[in-house]
C-alpha atoms as a PDB file:
ATOM      1  CA  MET A   1      80.579 -10.578 -63.353  1.00  0.00           C
ATOM      2  CA  SER A   2      83.899 -10.333 -61.578  1.00  0.00           C
ATOM      3  CA  LEU A   3      84.542 -11.390 -58.027  1.00  0.00           C
ATOM      4  CA  ARG A   4      85.944  -8.703 -55.740  1.00  0.00           C
ATOM      5  CA  VAL A   5      86.912 -10.917 -52.800  1.00  0.00           C
ATOM      6  CA  ILE A   6      87.849 -14.611 -52.906  1.00  0.00           C
ATOM      7  CA  GLY A   7      87.770 -16.494 -49.619  1.00  0.00           C
ATOM      8  CA  THR A   8      90.222 -19.359 -49.246  1.00  0.00           C
ATOM      9  CA  GLY A   9      89.575 -20.385 -45.640  1.00  0.00           C
ATOM     10  CA  PHE A  10      87.890 -23.623 -44.633  1.00  0.00           C
ATOM     11  CA  GLY A  11      84.406 -23.709 -43.214  1.00  0.00           C
ATOM     12  CA  ARG A  12      84.325 -23.146 -39.435  1.00  0.00           C
ATOM     13  CA  THR A  13      86.848 -20.283 -39.568  1.00  0.00           C
ATOM     14  CA  GLY A  14      84.318 -17.501 -39.140  1.00  0.00           C
ATOM     15  CA  THR A  15      83.164 -17.598 -42.737  1.00  0.00           C
ATOM     16  CA  ASP A  16      79.507 -16.852 -42.039  1.00  0.00           C
ATOM     17  CA  SER A  17      80.447 -13.842 -39.919  1.00  0.00           C
ATOM     18  CA  MET A  18      82.738 -12.755 -42.747  1.00  0.00           C
ATOM     19  CA  ARG A  19      79.916 -13.231 -45.256  1.00  0.00           C
ATOM     20  CA  ASN A  20      77.771 -10.867 -43.245  1.00  0.00           C
ATOM     21  CA  ALA A  21      80.651  -8.438 -42.753  1.00  0.00           C
ATOM     22  CA  LEU A  22      81.388  -8.222 -46.486  1.00  0.00           C
ATOM     23  CA  ASN A  23      77.702  -7.681 -47.192  1.00  0.00           C
ATOM     24  CA  ILE A  24      77.547  -4.866 -44.627  1.00  0.00           C
ATOM     25  CA  LEU A  25      80.589  -3.252 -46.261  1.00  0.00           C
ATOM     26  CA  GLY A  26      78.922  -3.321 -49.666  1.00  0.00           C
ATOM     27  CA  VAL A  27      81.220  -5.805 -51.389  1.00  0.00           C
ATOM     28  CA  GLY A  28      78.563  -8.532 -51.503  1.00  0.00           C
ATOM     29  CA  PRO A  29      76.348 -10.311 -52.109  1.00  0.00           C
ATOM     30  CA  THR A  30      78.707 -12.927 -50.733  1.00  0.00           C
ATOM     31  CA  HIS A  31      78.528 -16.570 -51.778  1.00  0.00           C
ATOM     32  CA  HIS A  32      78.649 -19.180 -48.977  1.00  0.00           C
ATOM     33  CA  MET A  33      77.629 -22.819 -48.571  1.00  0.00           C
ATOM     34  CA  PHE A  34      74.371 -21.528 -47.087  1.00  0.00           C
ATOM     35  CA  GLU A  35      73.464 -20.208 -50.526  1.00  0.00           C
ATOM     36  CA  LEU A  36      73.320 -23.770 -51.884  1.00  0.00           C
ATOM     37  CA  ASP A  37      70.634 -25.366 -49.765  1.00  0.00           C
ATOM     38  CA  GLU A  38      67.898 -27.418 -51.419  1.00  0.00           C
ATOM     39  CA  GLY A  39      65.936 -25.227 -53.801  1.00  0.00           C
ATOM     40  CA  SER A  40      68.818 -22.929 -54.709  1.00  0.00           C
ATOM     41  CA  PRO A  41      69.044 -22.448 -58.497  1.00  0.00           C
ATOM     42  CA  LEU A  42      72.844 -22.593 -58.215  1.00  0.00           C
ATOM     43  CA  ARG A  43      73.006 -25.870 -56.282  1.00  0.00           C
ATOM     44  CA  GLN A  44      73.005 -28.258 -59.251  1.00  0.00           C
ATOM     45  CA  GLY A  45      75.821 -26.398 -60.983  1.00  0.00           C
ATOM     46  CA  TRP A  46      78.059 -26.789 -57.941  1.00  0.00           C
ATOM     47  CA  LEU A  47      77.117 -30.446 -57.578  1.00  0.00           C
ATOM     48  CA  ASP A  48      78.035 -30.984 -61.234  1.00  0.00           C
ATOM     49  CA  LEU A  49      81.367 -29.247 -60.647  1.00  0.00           C
ATOM     50  CA  ALA A  50      82.089 -31.465 -57.642  1.00  0.00           C
ATOM     51  CA  LYS A  51      81.416 -34.475 -59.890  1.00  0.00           C
ATOM     52  CA  GLY A  52      83.962 -33.282 -62.439  1.00  0.00           C
ATOM     53  CA  ALA A  53      82.130 -30.910 -64.794  1.00  0.00           C
ATOM     54  CA  ALA A  54      84.085 -28.033 -66.297  1.00  0.00           C
ATOM     55  CA  PRO A  55      83.498 -24.816 -64.335  1.00  0.00           C
ATOM     56  CA  ASP A  56      81.478 -21.933 -65.676  1.00  0.00           C
ATOM     57  CA  TRP A  57      82.436 -19.452 -62.971  1.00  0.00           C
ATOM     58  CA  ASN A  58      80.164 -16.692 -64.243  1.00  0.00           C
ATOM     59  CA  ALA A  59      77.170 -19.009 -63.970  1.00  0.00           C
ATOM     60  CA  LEU A  60      78.242 -20.496 -60.646  1.00  0.00           C
ATOM     61  CA  PHE A  61      78.635 -17.066 -59.072  1.00  0.00           C
ATOM     62  CA  ALA A  62      75.693 -15.406 -60.816  1.00  0.00           C
ATOM     63  CA  GLY A  63      74.513 -12.561 -58.627  1.00  0.00           C
ATOM     64  CA  TYR A  64      77.499 -12.607 -56.281  1.00  0.00           C
ATOM     65  CA  ASN A  65      80.479 -10.284 -55.936  1.00  0.00           C
ATOM     66  CA  SER A  66      82.441 -12.127 -53.238  1.00  0.00           C
ATOM     67  CA  CYS A  67      82.764 -15.684 -51.948  1.00  0.00           C
ATOM     68  CA  VAL A  68      83.770 -17.403 -48.729  1.00  0.00           C
ATOM     69  CA  ASP A  69      83.497 -20.911 -47.267  1.00  0.00           C
ATOM     70  CA  TRP A  70      83.141 -24.168 -49.137  1.00  0.00           C
ATOM     71  CA  PRO A  71      82.502 -25.077 -51.848  1.00  0.00           C
ATOM     72  CA  SER A  72      84.176 -22.075 -53.483  1.00  0.00           C
ATOM     73  CA  ALA A  73      87.134 -22.101 -51.082  1.00  0.00           C
ATOM     74  CA  TYR A  74      88.169 -25.510 -52.417  1.00  0.00           C
ATOM     75  CA  TYR A  75      88.667 -23.984 -55.872  1.00  0.00           C
ATOM     76  CA  TRP A  76      90.705 -20.964 -54.782  1.00  0.00           C
ATOM     77  CA  ARG A  77      93.693 -21.855 -56.968  1.00  0.00           C
ATOM     78  CA  SER A  78      91.560 -21.608 -60.098  1.00  0.00           C
ATOM     79  CA  LEU A  79      89.635 -18.583 -58.858  1.00  0.00           C
ATOM     80  CA  ILE A  80      92.641 -16.391 -58.068  1.00  0.00           C
ATOM     81  CA  ASP A  81      93.811 -16.865 -61.660  1.00  0.00           C
ATOM     82  CA  GLU A  82      90.341 -16.478 -63.165  1.00  0.00           C
ATOM     83  CA  PHE A  83      89.779 -13.201 -61.285  1.00  0.00           C
ATOM     84  CA  PRO A  84      93.241 -11.617 -61.058  1.00  0.00           C
ATOM     85  CA  LYS A  85      91.944  -8.297 -59.731  1.00  0.00           C
ATOM     86  CA  ALA A  86      90.084  -9.883 -56.827  1.00  0.00           C
ATOM     87  CA  ARG A  87      91.476  -9.603 -53.343  1.00  0.00           C
ATOM     88  CA  VAL A  88      92.187 -12.870 -51.542  1.00  0.00           C
ATOM     89  CA  LEU A  89      90.992 -13.475 -48.005  1.00  0.00           C
ATOM     90  CA  LEU A  90      92.179 -16.257 -45.701  1.00  0.00           C
ATOM     91  CA  THR A  91      89.956 -16.688 -42.659  1.00  0.00           C
ATOM     92  CA  MET A  92      91.575 -18.871 -40.043  1.00  0.00           C
ATOM     93  CA  ARG A  93      91.833 -19.937 -36.411  1.00  0.00           C
ATOM     94  CA  SER A  94      94.075 -22.349 -34.535  1.00  0.00           C
ATOM     95  CA  ALA A  95      93.998 -25.815 -36.031  1.00  0.00           C
ATOM     96  CA  GLU A  96      92.879 -27.357 -32.744  1.00  0.00           C
ATOM     97  CA  SER A  97      89.941 -24.986 -32.308  1.00  0.00           C
ATOM     98  CA  TRP A  98      89.015 -25.455 -35.965  1.00  0.00           C
ATOM     99  CA  TRP A  99      88.902 -29.244 -35.530  1.00  0.00           C
ATOM    100  CA  THR A 100      86.769 -28.958 -32.385  1.00  0.00           C
ATOM    101  CA  SER A 101      84.215 -26.856 -34.276  1.00  0.00           C
ATOM    102  CA  PHE A 102      84.374 -28.941 -37.469  1.00  0.00           C
ATOM    103  CA  GLU A 103      83.984 -32.217 -35.576  1.00  0.00           C
ATOM    104  CA  ALA A 104      80.901 -30.982 -33.722  1.00  0.00           C
ATOM    105  CA  THR A 105      79.147 -29.584 -36.799  1.00  0.00           C
ATOM    106  CA  THR A 106      80.162 -30.350 -40.383  1.00  0.00           C
ATOM    107  CA  LEU A 107      81.570 -33.790 -39.560  1.00  0.00           C
ATOM    108  CA  LYS A 108      78.454 -34.756 -37.611  1.00  0.00           C
ATOM    109  CA  TYR A 109      76.330 -33.699 -40.560  1.00  0.00           C
ATOM    110  CA  ILE A 110      78.451 -35.765 -42.945  1.00  0.00           C
ATOM    111  CA  GLN A 111      78.259 -38.774 -40.650  1.00  0.00           C
ATOM    112  CA  SER A 112      74.481 -38.433 -40.294  1.00  0.00           C
ATOM    113  CA  GLY A 113      74.052 -39.544 -43.914  1.00  0.00           C
ATOM    114  CA  ASP A 114      71.303 -36.948 -44.322  1.00  0.00           C
ATOM    115  CA  ASP A 115      72.443 -35.829 -47.776  1.00  0.00           C
ATOM    116  CA  PRO A 116      74.800 -38.442 -49.265  1.00  0.00           C
ATOM    117  CA  ASN A 117      74.756 -36.743 -52.671  1.00  0.00           C
ATOM    118  CA  GLY A 118      75.237 -33.229 -51.319  1.00  0.00           C
ATOM    119  CA  LEU A 119      78.268 -30.987 -51.335  1.00  0.00           C
ATOM    120  CA  ALA A 120      79.251 -31.820 -47.760  1.00  0.00           C
ATOM    121  CA  HIS A 121      79.845 -35.392 -48.882  1.00  0.00           C
ATOM    122  CA  LEU A 122      80.913 -35.048 -52.511  1.00  0.00           C
ATOM    123  CA  LEU A 123      83.249 -32.117 -51.999  1.00  0.00           C
ATOM    124  CA  VAL A 124      84.146 -31.652 -48.339  1.00  0.00           C
ATOM    125  CA  ALA A 125      84.374 -35.279 -47.226  1.00  0.00           C
ATOM    126  CA  GLU A 126      85.689 -36.811 -50.432  1.00  0.00           C
ATOM    127  CA  GLN A 127      87.750 -34.134 -52.128  1.00  0.00           C
ATOM    128  CA  VAL A 128      88.909 -31.764 -49.402  1.00  0.00           C
ATOM    129  CA  PHE A 129      89.663 -34.551 -46.923  1.00  0.00           C
ATOM    130  CA  GLY A 130      90.256 -37.461 -49.283  1.00  0.00           C
ATOM    131  CA  GLY A 131      87.427 -39.541 -47.840  1.00  0.00           C
ATOM    132  CA  ARG A 132      88.825 -39.277 -44.298  1.00  0.00           C
ATOM    133  CA  PRO A 133      87.070 -36.300 -42.676  1.00  0.00           C
ATOM    134  CA  ASP A 134      86.833 -38.200 -39.375  1.00  0.00           C
ATOM    135  CA  ASP A 135      90.601 -38.741 -39.112  1.00  0.00           C
ATOM    136  CA  ARG A 136      91.605 -35.938 -36.767  1.00  0.00           C
ATOM    137  CA  GLU A 137      95.325 -35.855 -37.522  1.00  0.00           C
ATOM    138  CA  HIS A 138      94.739 -36.132 -41.253  1.00  0.00           C
ATOM    139  CA  ALA A 139      92.087 -33.383 -41.257  1.00  0.00           C
ATOM    140  CA  ILE A 140      94.264 -31.023 -39.225  1.00  0.00           C
ATOM    141  CA  ALA A 141      97.184 -31.665 -41.590  1.00  0.00           C
ATOM    142  CA  ILE A 142      94.943 -30.793 -44.568  1.00  0.00           C
ATOM    143  CA  TYR A 143      93.763 -27.644 -42.794  1.00  0.00           C
ATOM    144  CA  ASN A 144      97.324 -26.531 -42.036  1.00  0.00           C
ATOM    145  CA  ARG A 145      98.479 -27.323 -45.560  1.00  0.00           C
ATOM    146  CA  ASN A 146      95.724 -25.183 -47.046  1.00  0.00           C
ATOM    147  CA  THR A 147      96.769 -22.249 -44.878  1.00  0.00           C
ATOM    148  CA  GLU A 148     100.418 -22.658 -45.834  1.00  0.00           C
ATOM    149  CA  GLU A 149      99.654 -22.977 -49.546  1.00  0.00           C
ATOM    150  CA  VAL A 150      97.471 -19.864 -49.645  1.00  0.00           C
ATOM    151  CA  ILE A 151     100.122 -17.779 -47.905  1.00  0.00           C
ATOM    152  CA  ALA A 152     102.833 -19.143 -50.204  1.00  0.00           C
ATOM    153  CA  ALA A 153     100.854 -18.678 -53.425  1.00  0.00           C
ATOM    154  CA  VAL A 154      99.243 -15.254 -53.009  1.00  0.00           C
ATOM    155  CA  ASP A 155     101.053 -11.919 -53.237  1.00  0.00           C
ATOM    156  CA  PRO A 156     101.086 -10.441 -49.699  1.00  0.00           C
ATOM    157  CA  GLU A 157      99.722  -7.151 -51.052  1.00  0.00           C
ATOM    158  CA  ARG A 158      96.698  -9.014 -52.386  1.00  0.00           C
ATOM    159  CA  LEU A 159      96.118 -11.207 -49.326  1.00  0.00           C
ATOM    160  CA  LEU A 160      94.501 -10.603 -45.950  1.00  0.00           C
ATOM    161  CA  VAL A 161      94.906 -13.239 -43.255  1.00  0.00           C
ATOM    162  CA  HIS A 162      91.958 -12.656 -40.949  1.00  0.00           C
ATOM    163  CA  GLN A 163      92.102 -14.501 -37.653  1.00  0.00           C
ATOM    164  CA  LEU A 164      88.898 -15.333 -35.833  1.00  0.00           C
ATOM    165  CA  GLY A 165      88.247 -12.363 -33.562  1.00  0.00           C
ATOM    166  CA  ASP A 166      90.160  -9.759 -35.611  1.00  0.00           C
ATOM    167  CA  GLY A 167      86.970  -7.815 -36.254  1.00  0.00           C
ATOM    168  CA  TRP A 168      86.487  -4.803 -38.500  1.00  0.00           C
ATOM    169  CA  ALA A 169      89.794  -2.897 -38.386  1.00  0.00           C
ATOM    170  CA  PRO A 170      92.104  -5.079 -40.528  1.00  0.00           C
ATOM    171  CA  LEU A 171      89.321  -5.955 -42.958  1.00  0.00           C
ATOM    172  CA  CYS A 172      88.253  -2.353 -43.530  1.00  0.00           C
ATOM    173  CA  ASP A 173      91.843  -1.146 -43.796  1.00  0.00           C
ATOM    174  CA  TRP A 174      92.554  -3.833 -46.403  1.00  0.00           C
ATOM    175  CA  LEU A 175      89.485  -2.886 -48.426  1.00  0.00           C
ATOM    176  CA  GLY A 176      90.019   0.856 -47.992  1.00  0.00           C
ATOM    177  CA  LEU A 177      86.604   1.277 -46.412  1.00  0.00           C
ATOM    178  CA  PRO A 178      85.498   3.021 -43.207  1.00  0.00           C
ATOM    179  CA  VAL A 179      84.655   0.926 -40.163  1.00  0.00           C
ATOM    180  CA  PRO A 180      80.850   0.664 -39.906  1.00  0.00           C
ATOM    181  CA  ASP A 181      79.039   1.900 -36.837  1.00  0.00           C
ATOM    182  CA  VAL A 182      77.841  -1.603 -35.963  1.00  0.00           C
ATOM    183  CA  GLU A 183      79.447  -4.507 -34.172  1.00  0.00           C
ATOM    184  CA  TYR A 184      81.331  -7.024 -36.261  1.00  0.00           C
ATOM    185  CA  PRO A 185      78.932  -9.881 -37.062  1.00  0.00           C
ATOM    186  CA  SER A 186      79.003 -12.981 -34.904  1.00  0.00           C
ATOM    187  CA  GLY A 187      76.892 -16.026 -35.594  1.00  0.00           C
ATOM    188  CA  ASN A 188      76.669 -19.552 -36.923  1.00  0.00           C
ATOM    189  CA  THR A 189      78.113 -20.915 -33.709  1.00  0.00           C
ATOM    190  CA  THR A 190      78.328 -24.626 -33.045  1.00  0.00           C
ATOM    191  CA  LYS A 191      75.101 -24.391 -31.038  1.00  0.00           C
ATOM    192  CA  ASP A 192      73.425 -22.487 -33.890  1.00  0.00           C
ATOM    193  CA  ILE A 193      74.320 -25.172 -36.424  1.00  0.00           C
ATOM    194  CA  ILE A 194      73.295 -28.075 -34.219  1.00  0.00           C
ATOM    195  CA  ARG A 195      69.953 -26.426 -33.485  1.00  0.00           C
ATOM    196  CA  ARG A 196      69.341 -25.695 -37.185  1.00  0.00           C
ATOM    197  CA  LEU A 197      70.168 -29.269 -38.215  1.00  0.00           C
ATOM    198  CA  GLU A 198      67.994 -30.750 -35.496  1.00  0.00           C
ATOM    199  CA  GLU A 199      65.116 -28.524 -36.623  1.00  0.00           C
ATOM    200  CA  LYS A 200      65.547 -30.029 -40.095  1.00  0.00           C
ATOM    201  CA  GLY A 201      65.266 -33.492 -38.588  1.00  0.00           C
ATOM    202  CA  VAL A 202      68.930 -34.459 -39.038  1.00  0.00           C
ATOM    203  CA  ASP A 203      69.994 -37.172 -36.575  1.00  0.00           C
ATOM    204  CA  LEU A 204      73.315 -36.022 -35.137  1.00  0.00           C
ATOM    205  CA  LYS A 205      73.677 -38.781 -32.538  1.00  0.00           C
END
Protein backbone atom coordinates (compact mmCIF):
# COMPACT_ATOMS: atom_id res chain seq x y z
CA MET A 1 0.00 0.00 0.00
CA SER A 2 1.20 3.48 -0.82
CA LEU A 3 -0.81 6.63 -0.39
CA ARG A 4 -1.26 8.73 -3.52
CA VAL A 5 -2.66 11.87 -1.89
CA ILE A 6 -2.06 13.08 1.67
CA GLY A 7 -4.45 15.70 3.02
CA THR A 8 -3.05 18.14 5.56
CA GLY A 9 -6.03 20.44 6.07
CA PHE A 10 -8.08 20.57 9.25
CA GLY A 11 -11.59 19.22 9.43
CA ARG A 12 -14.22 21.75 8.30
CA THR A 13 -12.18 22.87 5.27
CA GLY A 14 -14.20 20.96 2.70
CA THR A 15 -12.57 17.64 3.46
CA ASP A 16 -15.67 15.51 2.96
CA SER A 17 -16.32 17.12 -0.42
CA MET A 18 -12.67 16.49 -1.26
CA ARG A 19 -13.02 12.86 -0.14
CA ASN A 20 -15.86 12.41 -2.58
CA ALA A 21 -14.01 14.30 -5.31
CA LEU A 22 -10.90 12.11 -5.01
CA ASN A 23 -13.07 9.00 -5.10
CA ILE A 24 -14.83 10.22 -8.25
CA LEU A 25 -11.43 10.85 -9.86
CA GLY A 26 -10.31 7.31 -9.11
CA VAL A 27 -7.56 8.09 -6.61
CA GLY A 28 -9.52 6.68 -3.67
CA PRO A 29 -10.78 5.05 -1.62
CA THR A 30 -10.12 8.10 0.52
CA HIS A 31 -9.68 7.87 4.28
CA HIS A 32 -11.62 10.41 6.40
CA MET A 33 -12.79 10.64 10.01
CA PHE A 34 -16.12 9.24 8.81
CA GLU A 35 -14.36 5.95 8.13
CA LEU A 36 -13.68 5.52 11.86
CA ASP A 37 -17.15 5.47 13.35
CA GLU A 38 -18.08 2.79 15.88
CA GLY A 39 -17.78 -0.62 14.27
CA SER A 40 -14.97 0.29 11.89
CA PRO A 41 -12.19 -2.33 11.98
CA LEU A 42 -9.63 0.49 11.73
CA ARG A 43 -10.97 2.55 14.64
CA GLN A 44 -9.03 0.86 17.45
CA GLY A 45 -5.72 1.22 15.63
CA TRP A 46 -6.20 4.98 15.34
CA LEU A 47 -7.28 5.24 18.96
CA ASP A 48 -4.13 3.36 19.98
CA LEU A 49 -2.04 5.74 17.87
CA ALA A 50 -3.67 8.76 19.52
CA LYS A 51 -2.74 7.23 22.89
CA GLY A 52 0.91 6.95 21.88
CA ALA A 53 1.29 3.61 20.08
CA ALA A 54 3.86 3.37 17.30
CA PRO A 55 2.21 3.80 13.89
CA ASP A 56 1.79 0.96 11.45
CA TRP A 57 0.72 3.10 8.50
CA ASN A 58 0.06 0.16 6.19
CA ALA A 59 -2.39 -1.28 8.70
CA LEU A 60 -3.96 2.07 9.55
CA PHE A 61 -4.61 2.86 5.90
CA ALA A 62 -5.48 -0.68 4.80
CA GLY A 63 -7.73 -0.43 1.77
CA TYR A 64 -7.17 3.28 1.18
CA ASN A 65 -5.15 5.15 -1.43
CA SER A 66 -5.66 8.72 -0.22
CA CYS A 67 -6.45 10.49 3.05
CA VAL A 68 -8.00 13.76 4.15
CA ASP A 69 -9.35 15.23 7.40
CA TRP A 70 -8.45 14.23 10.92
CA PRO A 71 -7.09 12.03 12.30
CA SER A 72 -4.63 11.48 9.44
CA ALA A 73 -4.14 15.21 8.82
CA TYR A 74 -2.61 15.57 12.29
CA TYR A 75 0.19 13.19 11.28
CA TRP A 76 1.04 14.82 7.95
CA ARG A 77 4.68 15.46 8.89
CA SER A 78 5.29 11.74 9.33
CA LEU A 79 3.16 10.78 6.34
CA ILE A 80 4.89 13.00 3.79
CA ASP A 81 8.19 11.33 4.70
CA GLU A 82 6.72 7.83 4.88
CA PHE A 83 5.15 8.20 1.41
CA PRO A 84 7.57 10.44 -0.50
CA LYS A 85 5.85 9.92 -3.85
CA ALA A 86 2.44 10.99 -2.57
CA ARG A 87 1.07 14.36 -3.52
CA VAL A 88 0.22 16.70 -0.65
CA LEU A 89 -3.10 18.51 -0.49
CA LEU A 90 -3.93 21.44 1.78
CA THR A 91 -7.65 22.16 1.93
CA MET A 92 -8.36 25.51 3.52
CA ARG A 93 -10.71 28.45 3.98
CA SER A 94 -10.47 31.74 5.86
CA ALA A 95 -9.64 31.23 9.51
CA GLU A 96 -12.78 33.07 10.61
CA SER A 97 -15.11 30.96 8.49
CA TRP A 98 -13.29 27.82 9.60
CA TRP A 99 -13.82 28.72 13.27
CA THR A 100 -17.52 29.44 12.70
CA SER A 101 -17.99 25.99 11.16
CA PHE A 102 -15.77 24.20 13.69
CA GLU A 103 -17.48 25.85 16.65
CA ALA A 104 -20.94 24.85 15.44
CA THR A 105 -20.05 21.22 14.70
CA THR A 106 -16.88 19.51 15.92
CA LEU A 107 -16.56 21.66 19.04
CA LYS A 108 -20.20 21.09 19.98
CA TYR A 109 -19.67 17.36 19.59
CA ILE A 110 -16.58 17.47 21.80
CA GLN A 111 -18.42 19.50 24.42
CA SER A 112 -21.39 17.12 24.38
CA GLY A 113 -19.26 14.45 26.07
CA ASP A 114 -20.87 11.83 23.83
CA ASP A 115 -17.63 9.96 23.16
CA PRO A 116 -15.00 10.97 25.75
CA ASN A 117 -12.62 8.22 24.61
CA GLY A 118 -13.06 8.89 20.90
CA LEU A 119 -10.76 10.55 18.42
CA ALA A 120 -12.53 13.91 18.59
CA HIS A 121 -11.48 14.14 22.23
CA LEU A 122 -8.20 12.23 22.35
CA LEU A 123 -6.73 13.67 19.18
CA VAL A 124 -8.58 16.80 18.07
CA ALA A 125 -9.32 18.39 21.44
CA GLU A 126 -6.23 17.27 23.32
CA GLN A 127 -3.46 17.00 20.76
CA VAL A 128 -4.39 19.31 17.90
CA PHE A 129 -5.66 22.08 20.19
CA GLY A 130 -3.73 21.32 23.36
CA GLY A 131 -6.86 20.78 25.45
CA ARG A 132 -8.27 24.20 24.51
CA PRO A 133 -10.53 23.63 21.49
CA ASP A 134 -13.05 26.15 22.87
CA ASP A 135 -10.52 29.00 23.01
CA ARG A 136 -11.28 30.86 19.80
CA GLU A 137 -8.06 32.84 19.49
CA HIS A 138 -5.94 29.84 20.40
CA ALA A 139 -7.75 27.55 17.94
CA ILE A 140 -7.47 30.06 15.10
CA ALA A 141 -3.75 30.48 15.83
CA ILE A 142 -3.30 26.69 15.64
CA TYR A 143 -5.24 26.59 12.38
CA ASN A 144 -3.13 29.36 10.84
CA ARG A 145 0.09 27.79 12.06
CA ASN A 146 -0.80 24.47 10.44
CA THR A 147 -1.41 26.21 7.12
CA GLU A 148 1.88 28.09 7.33
CA GLU A 149 3.86 24.99 8.29
CA VAL A 150 2.47 22.88 5.45
CA ILE A 151 3.28 25.56 2.88
CA ALA A 152 6.77 26.02 4.33
CA ALA A 153 7.57 22.30 4.56
CA VAL A 154 6.25 20.89 1.27
CA ASP A 155 7.86 21.38 -2.14
CA PRO A 156 5.51 23.65 -4.14
CA GLU A 157 5.58 21.18 -7.04
CA ARG A 158 4.23 18.50 -4.73
CA LEU A 159 1.62 20.67 -2.99
CA LEU A 160 -1.85 21.85 -3.96
CA VAL A 161 -3.51 24.51 -1.82
CA HIS A 162 -7.21 24.03 -2.48
CA GLN A 163 -9.45 26.80 -1.20
CA LEU A 164 -13.05 26.05 -0.36
CA GLY A 165 -14.97 26.70 -3.58
CA ASP A 166 -12.07 26.09 -6.00
CA GLY A 167 -13.86 23.11 -7.52
CA TRP A 168 -12.55 20.66 -10.09
CA ALA A 169 -10.15 22.66 -12.28
CA PRO A 170 -7.09 23.10 -10.02
CA LEU A 171 -7.47 19.63 -8.52
CA CYS A 172 -7.71 17.86 -11.88
CA ASP A 173 -4.87 19.91 -13.35
CA TRP A 174 -2.68 19.01 -10.37
CA LEU A 175 -3.48 15.32 -10.70
CA GLY A 176 -3.23 15.33 -14.50
CA LEU A 177 -6.78 14.05 -14.85
CA PRO A 178 -9.71 15.27 -16.96
CA VAL A 179 -12.50 17.22 -15.29
CA PRO A 180 -15.45 14.86 -14.72
CA ASP A 181 -18.82 15.58 -16.25
CA VAL A 182 -20.43 16.00 -12.83
CA GLU A 183 -20.62 18.88 -10.40
CA TYR A 184 -17.92 19.12 -7.77
CA PRO A 185 -19.22 17.42 -4.62
CA SER A 186 -20.78 19.55 -1.91
CA GLY A 187 -21.96 18.16 1.39
CA ASN A 188 -21.35 17.68 5.08
CA THR A 189 -22.57 21.19 5.79
CA THR A 190 -23.02 22.46 9.32
CA LYS A 191 -26.73 21.64 9.07
CA ASP A 192 -25.91 18.14 7.79
CA ILE A 193 -23.63 17.42 10.75
CA ILE A 194 -26.00 18.80 13.35
CA ARG A 195 -28.87 16.75 11.93
CA ARG A 196 -26.74 13.58 11.84
CA LEU A 197 -25.58 14.04 15.44
CA GLU A 198 -29.08 14.75 16.67
CA GLU A 199 -30.31 11.60 14.92
CA LYS A 200 -27.67 9.69 16.90
CA GLY A 201 -29.05 11.18 20.10
CA VAL A 202 -26.12 13.53 20.78
CA ASP A 203 -27.15 16.48 22.97
CA LEU A 204 -25.68 19.56 21.31
CA LYS A 205 -27.32 22.14 23.59
